[in-house]
Amino acid sequence: LAREGVTGIAVLNPGFVSDCLETLEEIAIQGAEIFHAAGGRHYAHIPCLNDSADGMRVIETVVRRELSGWI
């Protein structure tokens, strides 16, 4: 994207429920390095929900929906 003139991006990982070393190293750190090396200026990595109250509500909602009728 930086090579196409995009100067700033924000990256989030919807497939990850929690940050892990690979998420932080590969996406947050290496992603920023690659983007900056290609001419990008502003790179933001948006952290996962982890064990925040909002994150737990999302997990609870999905689990309750998927288990409905099983219990």
C-alpha atoms as a PDB file:
ATOM      1  CA  LEU A   1       0.000   0.000   0.000  1.00  0.00           C
ATOM      2  CA  ALA A   2       2.841   2.412   0.772  1.00  0.00           C
ATOM      3  CA  ARG A   3       4.172   1.930  -2.761  1.00  0.00           C
ATOM      4  CA  GLU A   4       0.752   2.980  -4.051  1.00  0.00           C
ATOM      5  CA  GLY A   5       0.896   6.255  -2.123  1.00  0.00           C
ATOM      6  CA  VAL A   6      -0.897   5.267   1.069  1.00  0.00           C
ATOM      7  CA  THR A   7       0.930   7.076   3.869  1.00  0.00           C
ATOM      8  CA  GLY A   8      -0.907   5.692   6.872  1.00  0.00           C
ATOM      9  CA  ILE A   9      -2.724   2.518   7.837  1.00  0.00           C
ATOM     10  CA  ALA A  10      -4.235   0.914  10.906  1.00  0.00           C
ATOM     11  CA  VAL A  11      -4.027  -2.876  11.123  1.00  0.00           C
ATOM     12  CA  LEU A  12      -6.195  -5.118  13.236  1.00  0.00           C
ATOM     13  CA  ASN A  13      -6.407  -8.890  13.490  1.00  0.00           C
ATOM     14  CA  PRO A  14     -10.043  -9.997  13.497  1.00  0.00           C
ATOM     15  CA  GLY A  15      -9.034 -13.672  13.464  1.00  0.00           C
ATOM     16  CA  PHE A  16      -7.144 -13.374  16.740  1.00  0.00           C
ATOM     17  CA  VAL A  17      -8.943 -13.280  20.092  1.00  0.00           C
ATOM     18  CA  SER A  18      -5.776 -12.375  21.983  1.00  0.00           C
ATOM     19  CA  ASP A  19      -2.372 -10.996  21.156  1.00  0.00           C
ATOM     20  CA  CYS A  20       0.498 -13.453  21.182  1.00  0.00           C
ATOM     21  CA  LEU A  21       4.209 -13.177  20.435  1.00  0.00           C
ATOM     22  CA  GLU A  22       3.660 -14.026  16.765  1.00  0.00           C
ATOM     23  CA  THR A  23       0.934 -11.403  16.437  1.00  0.00           C
ATOM     24  CA  LEU A  24       3.085  -8.719  17.986  1.00  0.00           C
ATOM     25  CA  GLU A  25       6.339  -9.660  16.251  1.00  0.00           C
ATOM     26  CA  GLU A  26       5.058 -10.461  12.758  1.00  0.00           C
ATOM     27  CA  ILE A  27       2.131  -8.103  12.361  1.00  0.00           C
ATOM     28  CA  ALA A  28       2.870  -5.200  14.694  1.00  0.00           C
ATOM     29  CA  ILE A  29       6.665  -4.960  14.440  1.00  0.00           C
ATOM     30  CA  GLN A  30       7.590  -6.525  11.088  1.00  0.00           C
ATOM     31  CA  GLY A  31       4.497  -5.096   9.424  1.00  0.00           C
ATOM     32  CA  ALA A  32       5.476  -1.603  10.525  1.00  0.00           C
ATOM     33  CA  GLU A  33       9.059  -2.094   9.344  1.00  0.00           C
ATOM     34  CA  ILE A  34       7.937  -3.285   5.902  1.00  0.00           C
ATOM     35  CA  PHE A  35       5.392  -0.476   5.558  1.00  0.00           C
ATOM     36  CA  HIS A  36       7.917   2.190   6.571  1.00  0.00           C
ATOM     37  CA  ALA A  37      10.641   0.753   4.313  1.00  0.00           C
ATOM     38  CA  ALA A  38       8.220   1.047   1.375  1.00  0.00           C
ATOM     39  CA  GLY A  39       7.620   4.738   2.109  1.00  0.00           C
ATOM     40  CA  GLY A  40       4.715   4.618   4.545  1.00  0.00           C
ATOM     41  CA  ARG A  41       4.696   7.128   7.368  1.00  0.00           C
ATOM     42  CA  HIS A  42       2.043   6.166   9.909  1.00  0.00           C
ATOM     43  CA  TYR A  43       1.468   2.542  10.935  1.00  0.00           C
ATOM     44  CA  ALA A  44      -0.832   1.646  13.811  1.00  0.00           C
ATOM     45  CA  HIS A  45      -1.398  -1.863  15.117  1.00  0.00           C
ATOM     46  CA  ILE A  46      -4.742  -2.125  16.918  1.00  0.00           C
ATOM     47  CA  PRO A  47      -4.428  -4.671  19.728  1.00  0.00           C
ATOM     48  CA  CYS A  48      -6.782  -7.602  20.142  1.00  0.00           C
ATOM     49  CA  LEU A  49      -9.552  -7.468  22.723  1.00  0.00           C
ATOM     50  CA  ASN A  50      -7.657  -9.901  24.977  1.00  0.00           C
ATOM     51  CA  ASP A  51      -9.323 -10.225  28.390  1.00  0.00           C
ATOM     52  CA  SER A  52     -10.994  -6.821  28.346  1.00  0.00           C
ATOM     53  CA  ALA A  53     -14.614  -6.569  29.462  1.00  0.00           C
ATOM     54  CA  ASP A  54     -15.694  -5.952  25.859  1.00  0.00           C
ATOM     55  CA  GLY A  55     -13.678  -8.948  24.661  1.00  0.00           C
ATOM     56  CA  MET A  56     -15.248 -11.219  27.241  1.00  0.00           C
ATOM     57  CA  ARG A  57     -18.750 -10.006  26.272  1.00  0.00           C
ATOM     58  CA  VAL A  58     -18.070 -10.888  22.632  1.00  0.00           C
ATOM     59  CA  ILE A  59     -16.868 -14.386  23.566  1.00  0.00           C
ATOM     60  CA  GLU A  60     -19.794 -14.913  25.932  1.00  0.00           C
ATOM     61  CA  THR A  61     -22.294 -13.826  23.275  1.00  0.00           C
ATOM     62  CA  VAL A  62     -20.841 -16.166  20.653  1.00  0.00           C
ATOM     63  CA  VAL A  63     -20.600 -19.124  23.050  1.00  0.00           C
ATOM     64  CA  ARG A  64     -24.159 -18.668  24.329  1.00  0.00           C
ATOM     65  CA  ARG A  65     -25.479 -18.382  20.759  1.00  0.00           C
ATOM     66  CA  GLU A  66     -23.597 -21.444  19.530  1.00  0.00           C
ATOM     67  CA  LEU A  67     -24.552 -23.565  22.557  1.00  0.00           C
ATOM     68  CA  SER A  68     -28.185 -22.614  22.503  1.00  0.00           C
ATOM     69  CA  GLY A  69     -30.228 -25.790  22.349  1.00  0.00           C
ATOM     70  CA  TRP A  70     -27.308 -27.994  23.454  1.00  0.00           C
ATOM     71  CA  ILE A  71     -27.764 -27.388  27.158  1.00  0.00           C
END
